[in-house]
Amino acid sequence: MIIIEPHIHMYSRTTDDYTAMYKTGIRVAIEPSFWLGTNRRHAGTFLDYFELILGFETQRARRYGIDHYACVSVNPKESENVALAEEVLKGIGAYLDHERCVAVGEIGFNLITPNEERVFLRQLEMAKERGMLILIHTPHDTPQVSKRHGVERTLDILRELNYDNGRIIVDHNTEDTMDLTRKMPVWAGLTVYPYSKLNPSRVSGILKKWGIERTLVNSSADWGVSDPCSLPKVAEFMAGEGFTEKQVRQLLFDNPLAFYSQTPRFKPQLDLPYVDPSVYQR
């Protein structure tokens, strides 16, 4: 089965990961902008990063038979420095308009602070001005932060935005937030990521209760303990749980294709050849 990975951070992954993804059926990968592990101090480092994921990373993925796209934004983890964020947003337009940029994202909340909300709102307006797709990060559940509260606040903001909800993904849902997300016609994202998010069993339980419509499943694989081949494992688990082949295909191919095809920039090539790495030259 051909799989579209709707949220993965290949900047932090190896060429072996690309090989493994290709072998398990992944043919398209969408890479949202993320926190690099330490806060950036200069606007130029953001812009160089956007250039990399829109350009070099697409070329690198292509060598391994995977069609790569990106989403561009100031991630919520770096929104506390509002002056820096605003400087970045002044220069972000060219990257939002890039032919490989398919959405504004990840944006949203990390600690649910006023500064995060200010940067979140500005980027929502930029997406609305351009008619772009939007990928929203929801915070982790911690002793200091409630994911449910973060989703509630996010949905309140989206109600005020007056934008097509079908062009928005609210990502990283859990059993505790799906009832909120399903109250609006946004797309619900589920993330298979050990320890801090979901596993295939929990994803299966959520799908049985809430259905497959307007739902995307992703690995969000990055620097942490994560698996770029989570989605093939979800497919295998779902088959064992009684989901039909048609349902699995809908979740892992048809749904992400439908969502991202709302932008004319998304023209996935599913038949890119895998090139033997031994032929590469520096």
C-alpha atoms as a PDB file:
ATOM      1  CA  MET A   1       0.000   0.000   0.000  1.00  0.00           C
ATOM      2  CA  ILE A   2       1.190   3.516  -0.814  1.00  0.00           C
ATOM      3  CA  ILE A   3       1.296   5.820   2.228  1.00  0.00           C
ATOM      4  CA  ILE A   4       1.424   9.608   2.526  1.00  0.00           C
ATOM      5  CA  GLU A   5       3.198  10.768   5.712  1.00  0.00           C
ATOM      6  CA  PRO A   6       1.457  14.072   6.570  1.00  0.00           C
ATOM      7  CA  HIS A   7       3.769  15.254   9.374  1.00  0.00           C
ATOM      8  CA  ILE A   8       7.410  14.279   9.801  1.00  0.00           C
ATOM      9  CA  HIS A   9      10.627  16.201  10.479  1.00  0.00           C
ATOM     10  CA  MET A  10      13.133  14.714   8.024  1.00  0.00           C
ATOM     11  CA  TYR A  11      15.658  17.462   8.822  1.00  0.00           C
ATOM     12  CA  SER A  12      16.415  15.379  11.917  1.00  0.00           C
ATOM     13  CA  ARG A  13      16.399  11.957  10.232  1.00  0.00           C
ATOM     14  CA  THR A  14      19.025   9.929   8.378  1.00  0.00           C
ATOM     15  CA  THR A  15      19.262   8.540   4.872  1.00  0.00           C
ATOM     16  CA  ASP A  16      18.671   5.080   6.373  1.00  0.00           C
ATOM     17  CA  ASP A  17      15.299   6.394   7.532  1.00  0.00           C
ATOM     18  CA  TYR A  18      14.427   7.384   3.974  1.00  0.00           C
ATOM     19  CA  THR A  19      15.379   3.898   2.796  1.00  0.00           C
ATOM     20  CA  ALA A  20      13.224   2.259   5.460  1.00  0.00           C
ATOM     21  CA  MET A  21      10.279   4.545   4.675  1.00  0.00           C
ATOM     22  CA  TYR A  22      10.461   3.725   0.973  1.00  0.00           C
ATOM     23  CA  LYS A  23      10.632  -0.026   1.625  1.00  0.00           C
ATOM     24  CA  THR A  24       7.467   0.148   3.755  1.00  0.00           C
ATOM     25  CA  GLY A  25       5.416   2.023   1.175  1.00  0.00           C
ATOM     26  CA  ILE A  26       5.820   5.694   2.113  1.00  0.00           C
ATOM     27  CA  ARG A  27       6.049   7.735  -1.085  1.00  0.00           C
ATOM     28  CA  VAL A  28       5.219  11.280   0.077  1.00  0.00           C
ATOM     29  CA  ALA A  29       6.364  13.206   3.166  1.00  0.00           C
ATOM     30  CA  ILE A  30       5.232  16.612   4.436  1.00  0.00           C
ATOM     31  CA  GLU A  31       7.645  18.398   6.766  1.00  0.00           C
ATOM     32  CA  PRO A  32       6.296  21.144   9.051  1.00  0.00           C
ATOM     33  CA  SER A  33       8.681  23.692  10.539  1.00  0.00           C
ATOM     34  CA  PHE A  34       9.759  22.737  14.061  1.00  0.00           C
ATOM     35  CA  TRP A  35      11.980  23.611  16.998  1.00  0.00           C
ATOM     36  CA  LEU A  36      15.548  22.534  16.287  1.00  0.00           C
ATOM     37  CA  GLY A  37      16.390  21.572  19.877  1.00  0.00           C
ATOM     38  CA  THR A  38      17.634  24.980  20.959  1.00  0.00           C
ATOM     39  CA  ASN A  39      16.121  28.415  20.474  1.00  0.00           C
ATOM     40  CA  ARG A  40      17.426  30.325  17.479  1.00  0.00           C
ATOM     41  CA  ARG A  41      18.837  33.795  18.111  1.00  0.00           C
ATOM     42  CA  HIS A  42      18.729  35.382  14.661  1.00  0.00           C
ATOM     43  CA  ALA A  43      16.039  35.785  12.031  1.00  0.00           C
ATOM     44  CA  GLY A  44      18.450  34.639   9.356  1.00  0.00           C
ATOM     45  CA  THR A  45      18.790  31.207  10.916  1.00  0.00           C
ATOM     46  CA  PHE A  46      15.027  30.693  10.527  1.00  0.00           C
ATOM     47  CA  LEU A  47      15.156  31.771   6.900  1.00  0.00           C
ATOM     48  CA  ASP A  48      18.103  29.488   6.157  1.00  0.00           C
ATOM     49  CA  TYR A  49      16.161  26.625   7.738  1.00  0.00           C
ATOM     50  CA  PHE A  50      13.116  27.334   5.565  1.00  0.00           C
ATOM     51  CA  GLU A  51      15.387  27.352   2.522  1.00  0.00           C
ATOM     52  CA  LEU A  52      16.804  23.980   3.535  1.00  0.00           C
ATOM     53  CA  ILE A  53      13.525  22.136   4.076  1.00  0.00           C
ATOM     54  CA  LEU A  54      12.004  23.592   0.912  1.00  0.00           C
ATOM     55  CA  GLY A  55      15.063  22.956  -1.243  1.00  0.00           C
ATOM     56  CA  PHE A  56      17.783  20.573  -0.152  1.00  0.00           C
ATOM     57  CA  GLU A  57      15.496  18.259   1.820  1.00  0.00           C
ATOM     58  CA  THR A  58      13.212  17.860  -1.188  1.00  0.00           C
ATOM     59  CA  GLN A  59      16.247  16.898  -3.296  1.00  0.00           C
ATOM     60  CA  ARG A  60      17.538  14.482  -0.648  1.00  0.00           C
ATOM     61  CA  ALA A  61      14.160  12.759  -0.338  1.00  0.00           C
ATOM     62  CA  ARG A  62      13.842  12.435  -4.095  1.00  0.00           C
ATOM     63  CA  ARG A  63      16.967  10.285  -4.220  1.00  0.00           C
ATOM     64  CA  TYR A  64      15.141   7.784  -2.035  1.00  0.00           C
ATOM     65  CA  GLY A  65      11.944   7.729  -4.074  1.00  0.00           C
ATOM     66  CA  ILE A  66       9.984  10.053  -1.770  1.00  0.00           C
ATOM     67  CA  ASP A  67       8.255  13.262  -2.855  1.00  0.00           C
ATOM     68  CA  HIS A  68       8.872  15.844  -0.126  1.00  0.00           C
ATOM     69  CA  TYR A  69       6.929  19.027   0.696  1.00  0.00           C
ATOM     70  CA  ALA A  70       7.187  21.457   3.605  1.00  0.00           C
ATOM     71  CA  CYS A  71       5.126  23.759   5.807  1.00  0.00           C
ATOM     72  CA  VAL A  72       6.662  27.033   6.975  1.00  0.00           C
ATOM     73  CA  SER A  73       6.153  28.945  10.232  1.00  0.00           C
ATOM     74  CA  VAL A  74       7.557  30.193  13.508  1.00  0.00           C
ATOM     75  CA  ASN A  75       7.001  27.208  15.783  1.00  0.00           C
ATOM     76  CA  PRO A  76       5.174  27.898  19.081  1.00  0.00           C
ATOM     77  CA  LYS A  77       8.236  26.876  21.123  1.00  0.00           C
ATOM     78  CA  GLU A  78      10.023  29.937  19.721  1.00  0.00           C
ATOM     79  CA  SER A  79       7.168  32.418  20.056  1.00  0.00           C
ATOM     80  CA  GLU A  80       8.115  33.822  23.451  1.00  0.00           C
ATOM     81  CA  ASN A  81      10.717  36.076  21.834  1.00  0.00           C
ATOM     82  CA  VAL A  82       8.083  38.186  20.094  1.00  0.00           C
ATOM     83  CA  ALA A  83      10.543  40.698  18.647  1.00  0.00           C
ATOM     84  CA  LEU A  84      12.491  37.912  16.945  1.00  0.00           C
ATOM     85  CA  ALA A  85       9.307  36.173  15.801  1.00  0.00           C
ATOM     86  CA  GLU A  86       8.016  39.382  14.240  1.00  0.00           C
ATOM     87  CA  GLU A  87      11.339  39.926  12.472  1.00  0.00           C
ATOM     88  CA  VAL A  88      11.106  36.419  11.028  1.00  0.00           C
ATOM     89  CA  LEU A  89       7.504  36.964   9.924  1.00  0.00           C
ATOM     90  CA  LYS A  90       8.557  40.097   8.036  1.00  0.00           C
ATOM     91  CA  GLY A  91      10.798  37.922   5.874  1.00  0.00           C
ATOM     92  CA  ILE A  92       8.731  34.758   5.694  1.00  0.00           C
ATOM     93  CA  GLY A  93       6.559  35.714   2.731  1.00  0.00           C
ATOM     94  CA  ALA A  94       8.877  34.393   0.028  1.00  0.00           C
ATOM     95  CA  TYR A  95       8.954  31.004   1.742  1.00  0.00           C
ATOM     96  CA  LEU A  96       5.186  30.835   2.222  1.00  0.00           C
ATOM     97  CA  ASP A  97       4.901  31.508  -1.510  1.00  0.00           C
ATOM     98  CA  HIS A  98       7.442  28.821  -2.443  1.00  0.00           C
ATOM     99  CA  GLU A  99       6.186  26.107  -4.812  1.00  0.00           C
ATOM    100  CA  ARG A 100       7.011  23.357  -2.281  1.00  0.00           C
ATOM    101  CA  CYS A 101       5.302  25.044   0.686  1.00  0.00           C
ATOM    102  CA  VAL A 102       1.868  23.466   1.155  1.00  0.00           C
ATOM    103  CA  ALA A 103       0.758  24.984   4.481  1.00  0.00           C
ATOM    104  CA  VAL A 104       1.500  27.366   7.321  1.00  0.00           C
ATOM    105  CA  GLY A 105       2.668  25.221  10.210  1.00  0.00           C
ATOM    106  CA  GLU A 106       3.281  24.071  12.821  1.00  0.00           C
ATOM    107  CA  ILE A 107       1.695  26.972  14.649  1.00  0.00           C
ATOM    108  CA  GLY A 108      -0.321  27.055  17.855  1.00  0.00           C
ATOM    109  CA  PHE A 109       0.488  26.635  21.523  1.00  0.00           C
ATOM    110  CA  ASN A 110       3.283  25.136  23.599  1.00  0.00           C
ATOM    111  CA  LEU A 111       2.771  26.645  27.077  1.00  0.00           C
ATOM    112  CA  ILE A 112      -0.417  28.584  26.190  1.00  0.00           C
ATOM    113  CA  THR A 113       1.075  32.019  26.903  1.00  0.00           C
ATOM    114  CA  PRO A 114      -0.004  35.484  25.679  1.00  0.00           C
ATOM    115  CA  ASN A 115       3.126  35.757  23.537  1.00  0.00           C
ATOM    116  CA  GLU A 116       2.435  32.395  21.893  1.00  0.00           C
ATOM    117  CA  GLU A 117      -1.117  33.494  21.178  1.00  0.00           C
ATOM    118  CA  ARG A 118       0.054  36.751  19.629  1.00  0.00           C
ATOM    119  CA  VAL A 119       2.394  34.963  17.198  1.00  0.00           C
ATOM    120  CA  PHE A 120      -0.232  32.272  16.552  1.00  0.00           C
ATOM    121  CA  LEU A 121      -2.861  34.875  15.609  1.00  0.00           C
ATOM    122  CA  ARG A 122      -0.488  36.714  13.289  1.00  0.00           C
ATOM    123  CA  GLN A 123       0.335  33.537  11.394  1.00  0.00           C
ATOM    124  CA  LEU A 124      -3.315  32.547  11.152  1.00  0.00           C
ATOM    125  CA  GLU A 125      -4.014  35.898   9.531  1.00  0.00           C
ATOM    126  CA  MET A 126      -1.094  35.435   7.124  1.00  0.00           C
ATOM    127  CA  ALA A 127      -2.483  32.037   6.131  1.00  0.00           C
ATOM    128  CA  LYS A 128      -5.953  33.501   5.676  1.00  0.00           C
ATOM    129  CA  GLU A 129      -4.608  36.350   3.537  1.00  0.00           C
ATOM    130  CA  ARG A 130      -2.970  33.812   1.220  1.00  0.00           C
ATOM    131  CA  GLY A 131      -5.760  31.219   1.323  1.00  0.00           C
ATOM    132  CA  MET A 132      -3.300  28.626   2.659  1.00  0.00           C
ATOM    133  CA  LEU A 133      -3.743  25.370   4.512  1.00  0.00           C
ATOM    134  CA  ILE A 134      -2.965  25.499   8.250  1.00  0.00           C
ATOM    135  CA  LEU A 135      -1.334  22.891  10.505  1.00  0.00           C
ATOM    136  CA  ILE A 136      -1.842  23.518  14.233  1.00  0.00           C
ATOM    137  CA  HIS A 137       0.261  22.059  17.041  1.00  0.00           C
ATOM    138  CA  THR A 138      -1.474  21.334  20.338  1.00  0.00           C
ATOM    139  CA  PRO A 139       0.537  21.295  23.585  1.00  0.00           C
ATOM    140  CA  HIS A 140       1.732  18.263  25.479  1.00  0.00           C
ATOM    141  CA  ASP A 141      -0.052  17.305  28.685  1.00  0.00           C
ATOM    142  CA  THR A 142       2.319  18.226  31.538  1.00  0.00           C
ATOM    143  CA  PRO A 143       1.890  19.153  35.206  1.00  0.00           C
ATOM    144  CA  GLN A 144       1.955  22.811  34.081  1.00  0.00           C
ATOM    145  CA  VAL A 145      -0.044  22.594  30.833  1.00  0.00           C
ATOM    146  CA  SER A 146      -3.327  20.936  29.877  1.00  0.00           C
ATOM    147  CA  LYS A 147      -3.606  19.703  26.293  1.00  0.00           C
ATOM    148  CA  ARG A 148      -7.391  19.893  26.587  1.00  0.00           C
ATOM    149  CA  HIS A 149      -7.192  23.552  27.585  1.00  0.00           C
ATOM    150  CA  GLY A 150      -4.842  24.184  24.664  1.00  0.00           C
ATOM    151  CA  VAL A 151      -7.307  22.588  22.228  1.00  0.00           C
ATOM    152  CA  GLU A 152     -10.221  24.533  23.748  1.00  0.00           C
ATOM    153  CA  ARG A 153      -8.370  27.823  23.337  1.00  0.00           C
ATOM    154  CA  THR A 154      -7.271  26.876  19.805  1.00  0.00           C
ATOM    155  CA  LEU A 155     -10.828  26.103  18.720  1.00  0.00           C
ATOM    156  CA  ASP A 156     -12.115  29.339  20.259  1.00  0.00           C
ATOM    157  CA  ILE A 157      -9.570  31.249  18.186  1.00  0.00           C
ATOM    158  CA  LEU A 158     -10.538  29.364  15.015  1.00  0.00           C
ATOM    159  CA  ARG A 159     -14.192  30.251  15.554  1.00  0.00           C
ATOM    160  CA  GLU A 160     -13.189  33.909  15.559  1.00  0.00           C
ATOM    161  CA  LEU A 161     -10.944  33.512  12.510  1.00  0.00           C
ATOM    162  CA  ASN A 162     -13.852  33.089  10.081  1.00  0.00           C
ATOM    163  CA  TYR A 163     -11.904  30.783   7.783  1.00  0.00           C
ATOM    164  CA  ASP A 164     -12.681  27.506   6.000  1.00  0.00           C
ATOM    165  CA  ASN A 165     -12.250  24.885   8.733  1.00  0.00           C
ATOM    166  CA  GLY A 166     -11.760  22.196   6.120  1.00  0.00           C
ATOM    167  CA  ARG A 167      -8.378  23.763   5.357  1.00  0.00           C
ATOM    168  CA  ILE A 168      -7.127  23.345   8.946  1.00  0.00           C
ATOM    169  CA  ILE A 169      -5.538  20.404  10.793  1.00  0.00           C
ATOM    170  CA  VAL A 170      -5.641  20.441  14.593  1.00  0.00           C
ATOM    171  CA  ASP A 171      -2.884  17.950  15.327  1.00  0.00           C
ATOM    172  CA  HIS A 172      -1.687  15.700  18.172  1.00  0.00           C
ATOM    173  CA  ASN A 173      -5.158  14.817  19.488  1.00  0.00           C
ATOM    174  CA  THR A 174      -5.683  12.184  22.169  1.00  0.00           C
ATOM    175  CA  GLU A 175      -8.660  10.403  23.708  1.00  0.00           C
ATOM    176  CA  ASP A 176      -9.118  13.491  25.901  1.00  0.00           C
ATOM    177  CA  THR A 177      -9.487  15.992  23.052  1.00  0.00           C
ATOM    178  CA  MET A 178     -11.285  14.258  20.175  1.00  0.00           C
ATOM    179  CA  ASP A 179     -14.707  15.263  21.526  1.00  0.00           C
ATOM    180  CA  LEU A 180     -13.615  18.903  21.255  1.00  0.00           C
ATOM    181  CA  THR A 181     -12.071  18.643  17.804  1.00  0.00           C
ATOM    182  CA  ARG A 182     -15.092  16.815  16.415  1.00  0.00           C
ATOM    183  CA  LYS A 183     -17.336  19.761  17.340  1.00  0.00           C
ATOM    184  CA  MET A 184     -15.822  21.678  14.406  1.00  0.00           C
ATOM    185  CA  PRO A 185     -15.284  20.563  10.789  1.00  0.00           C
ATOM    186  CA  VAL A 186     -11.504  20.809  11.100  1.00  0.00           C
ATOM    187  CA  TRP A 187      -9.281  17.843  10.365  1.00  0.00           C
ATOM    188  CA  ALA A 188      -8.077  15.926  13.418  1.00  0.00           C
ATOM    189  CA  GLY A 189      -4.470  14.785  13.573  1.00  0.00           C
ATOM    190  CA  LEU A 190      -3.312  11.745  15.557  1.00  0.00           C
ATOM    191  CA  THR A 191       0.385  11.225  16.235  1.00  0.00           C
ATOM    192  CA  VAL A 192       2.055   7.844  16.762  1.00  0.00           C
ATOM    193  CA  TYR A 193       5.056   8.701  18.906  1.00  0.00           C
ATOM    194  CA  PRO A 194       6.336   6.608  21.823  1.00  0.00           C
ATOM    195  CA  TYR A 195       5.909   7.867  25.390  1.00  0.00           C
ATOM    196  CA  SER A 196       4.588  11.387  24.813  1.00  0.00           C
ATOM    197  CA  LYS A 197       1.782  10.759  22.316  1.00  0.00           C
ATOM    198  CA  LEU A 198      -0.065   7.706  20.926  1.00  0.00           C
ATOM    199  CA  ASN A 199       0.694   4.120  19.920  1.00  0.00           C
ATOM    200  CA  PRO A 200      -1.093   2.041  17.231  1.00  0.00           C
ATOM    201  CA  SER A 201      -3.447   0.506  19.786  1.00  0.00           C
ATOM    202  CA  ARG A 202      -4.617   3.885  21.076  1.00  0.00           C
ATOM    203  CA  VAL A 203      -4.998   5.199  17.527  1.00  0.00           C
ATOM    204  CA  SER A 204      -7.156   2.193  16.690  1.00  0.00           C
ATOM    205  CA  GLY A 205      -9.343   2.811  19.735  1.00  0.00           C
ATOM    206  CA  ILE A 206      -9.824   6.471  18.819  1.00  0.00           C
ATOM    207  CA  LEU A 207     -10.733   5.571  15.235  1.00  0.00           C
ATOM    208  CA  LYS A 208     -13.277   2.982  16.377  1.00  0.00           C
ATOM    209  CA  LYS A 209     -14.985   5.593  18.521  1.00  0.00           C
ATOM    210  CA  TRP A 210     -14.701   8.684  16.324  1.00  0.00           C
ATOM    211  CA  GLY A 211     -14.371   7.325  12.807  1.00  0.00           C
ATOM    212  CA  ILE A 212     -11.887   7.882   9.982  1.00  0.00           C
ATOM    213  CA  GLU A 213     -13.451  10.887   8.266  1.00  0.00           C
ATOM    214  CA  ARG A 214     -11.424  14.139   8.442  1.00  0.00           C
ATOM    215  CA  THR A 215      -8.632  12.314  10.290  1.00  0.00           C
ATOM    216  CA  LEU A 216      -4.902  12.176   9.557  1.00  0.00           C
ATOM    217  CA  VAL A 217      -2.366   9.931  11.295  1.00  0.00           C
ATOM    218  CA  ASN A 218       1.321  10.888  11.387  1.00  0.00           C
ATOM    219  CA  SER A 219       4.599   9.922  13.049  1.00  0.00           C
ATOM    220  CA  SER A 220       5.911  13.449  13.747  1.00  0.00           C
ATOM    221  CA  ALA A 221       9.299  11.706  13.845  1.00  0.00           C
ATOM    222  CA  ASP A 222      12.104  14.047  14.885  1.00  0.00           C
ATOM    223  CA  TRP A 223      15.160  14.143  17.190  1.00  0.00           C
ATOM    224  CA  GLY A 224      13.369  12.253  19.952  1.00  0.00           C
ATOM    225  CA  VAL A 225      12.537   8.591  20.420  1.00  0.00           C
ATOM    226  CA  SER A 226      10.359   8.296  17.347  1.00  0.00           C
ATOM    227  CA  ASP A 227       9.780   6.042  14.361  1.00  0.00           C
ATOM    228  CA  PRO A 228       9.576   7.283  10.746  1.00  0.00           C
ATOM    229  CA  CYS A 229       7.888   3.996   9.866  1.00  0.00           C
ATOM    230  CA  SER A 230       5.065   4.324  12.400  1.00  0.00           C
ATOM    231  CA  LEU A 231       2.368   4.493   9.729  1.00  0.00           C
ATOM    232  CA  PRO A 232       3.046   1.079   8.145  1.00  0.00           C
ATOM    233  CA  LYS A 233       2.852  -0.333  11.674  1.00  0.00           C
ATOM    234  CA  VAL A 234      -0.486   1.401  12.199  1.00  0.00           C
ATOM    235  CA  ALA A 235      -1.713  -0.193   8.955  1.00  0.00           C
ATOM    236  CA  GLU A 236      -0.666  -3.645  10.138  1.00  0.00           C
ATOM    237  CA  PHE A 237      -2.252  -3.168  13.558  1.00  0.00           C
ATOM    238  CA  MET A 238      -5.516  -1.871  12.093  1.00  0.00           C
ATOM    239  CA  ALA A 239      -5.774  -4.907   9.815  1.00  0.00           C
ATOM    240  CA  GLY A 240      -5.460  -7.141  12.866  1.00  0.00           C
ATOM    241  CA  GLU A 241      -8.196  -5.139  14.600  1.00  0.00           C
ATOM    242  CA  GLY A 242     -10.717  -5.745  11.836  1.00  0.00           C
ATOM    243  CA  PHE A 243     -10.404  -2.555   9.795  1.00  0.00           C
ATOM    244  CA  THR A 244     -10.851  -3.200   6.089  1.00  0.00           C
ATOM    245  CA  GLU A 245      -8.169  -2.580   3.491  1.00  0.00           C
ATOM    246  CA  LYS A 246     -10.332   0.243   2.146  1.00  0.00           C
ATOM    247  CA  GLN A 247     -10.488   1.911   5.566  1.00  0.00           C
ATOM    248  CA  VAL A 248      -6.727   1.657   6.066  1.00  0.00           C
ATOM    249  CA  ARG A 249      -6.107   3.120   2.625  1.00  0.00           C
ATOM    250  CA  GLN A 250      -8.536   5.953   3.338  1.00  0.00           C
ATOM    251  CA  LEU A 251      -6.719   6.864   6.533  1.00  0.00           C
ATOM    252  CA  LEU A 252      -3.145   6.624   5.282  1.00  0.00           C
ATOM    253  CA  PHE A 253      -3.503   7.693   1.665  1.00  0.00           C
ATOM    254  CA  ASP A 254      -6.899   9.085   0.656  1.00  0.00           C
ATOM    255  CA  ASN A 255      -7.308  11.439   3.622  1.00  0.00           C
ATOM    256  CA  PRO A 256      -3.897  13.152   3.450  1.00  0.00           C
ATOM    257  CA  LEU A 257      -4.245  13.323  -0.332  1.00  0.00           C
ATOM    258  CA  ALA A 258      -7.641  15.016   0.025  1.00  0.00           C
ATOM    259  CA  PHE A 259      -6.426  17.498   2.624  1.00  0.00           C
ATOM    260  CA  TYR A 260      -3.199  18.601   0.949  1.00  0.00           C
ATOM    261  CA  SER A 261      -4.691  18.549  -2.557  1.00  0.00           C
ATOM    262  CA  GLN A 262      -6.661  21.610  -1.530  1.00  0.00           C
ATOM    263  CA  THR A 263      -3.536  23.542  -2.506  1.00  0.00           C
ATOM    264  CA  PRO A 264      -2.546  23.352  -6.178  1.00  0.00           C
ATOM    265  CA  ARG A 265       1.098  23.126  -5.105  1.00  0.00           C
ATOM    266  CA  PHE A 266       0.571  19.578  -3.884  1.00  0.00           C
ATOM    267  CA  LYS A 267       1.123  17.329  -6.892  1.00  0.00           C
ATOM    268  CA  PRO A 268       2.499  14.125  -5.406  1.00  0.00           C
ATOM    269  CA  GLN A 269       4.695  11.943  -7.557  1.00  0.00           C
ATOM    270  CA  LEU A 270       4.148   8.384  -6.405  1.00  0.00           C
ATOM    271  CA  ASP A 271       6.491   6.670  -8.855  1.00  0.00           C
ATOM    272  CA  LEU A 272       9.816   8.336  -8.120  1.00  0.00           C
ATOM    273  CA  PRO A 273      12.626   5.789  -8.480  1.00  0.00           C
ATOM    274  CA  TYR A 274      14.759   4.736  -5.554  1.00  0.00           C
ATOM    275  CA  VAL A 275      18.357   5.391  -6.594  1.00  0.00           C
ATOM    276  CA  ASP A 276      21.181   3.216  -5.271  1.00  0.00           C
ATOM    277  CA  PRO A 277      23.055   5.498  -2.821  1.00  0.00           C
ATOM    278  CA  SER A 278      26.397   4.210  -4.112  1.00  0.00           C
ATOM    279  CA  VAL A 279      25.954   6.287  -7.273  1.00  0.00           C
ATOM    280  CA  TYR A 280      25.758   9.610  -5.412  1.00  0.00           C
ATOM    281  CA  GLN A 281      28.560  12.087  -5.714  1.00  0.00           C
ATOM    282  CA  ARG A 282      29.251  14.986  -3.411  1.00  0.00           C
END
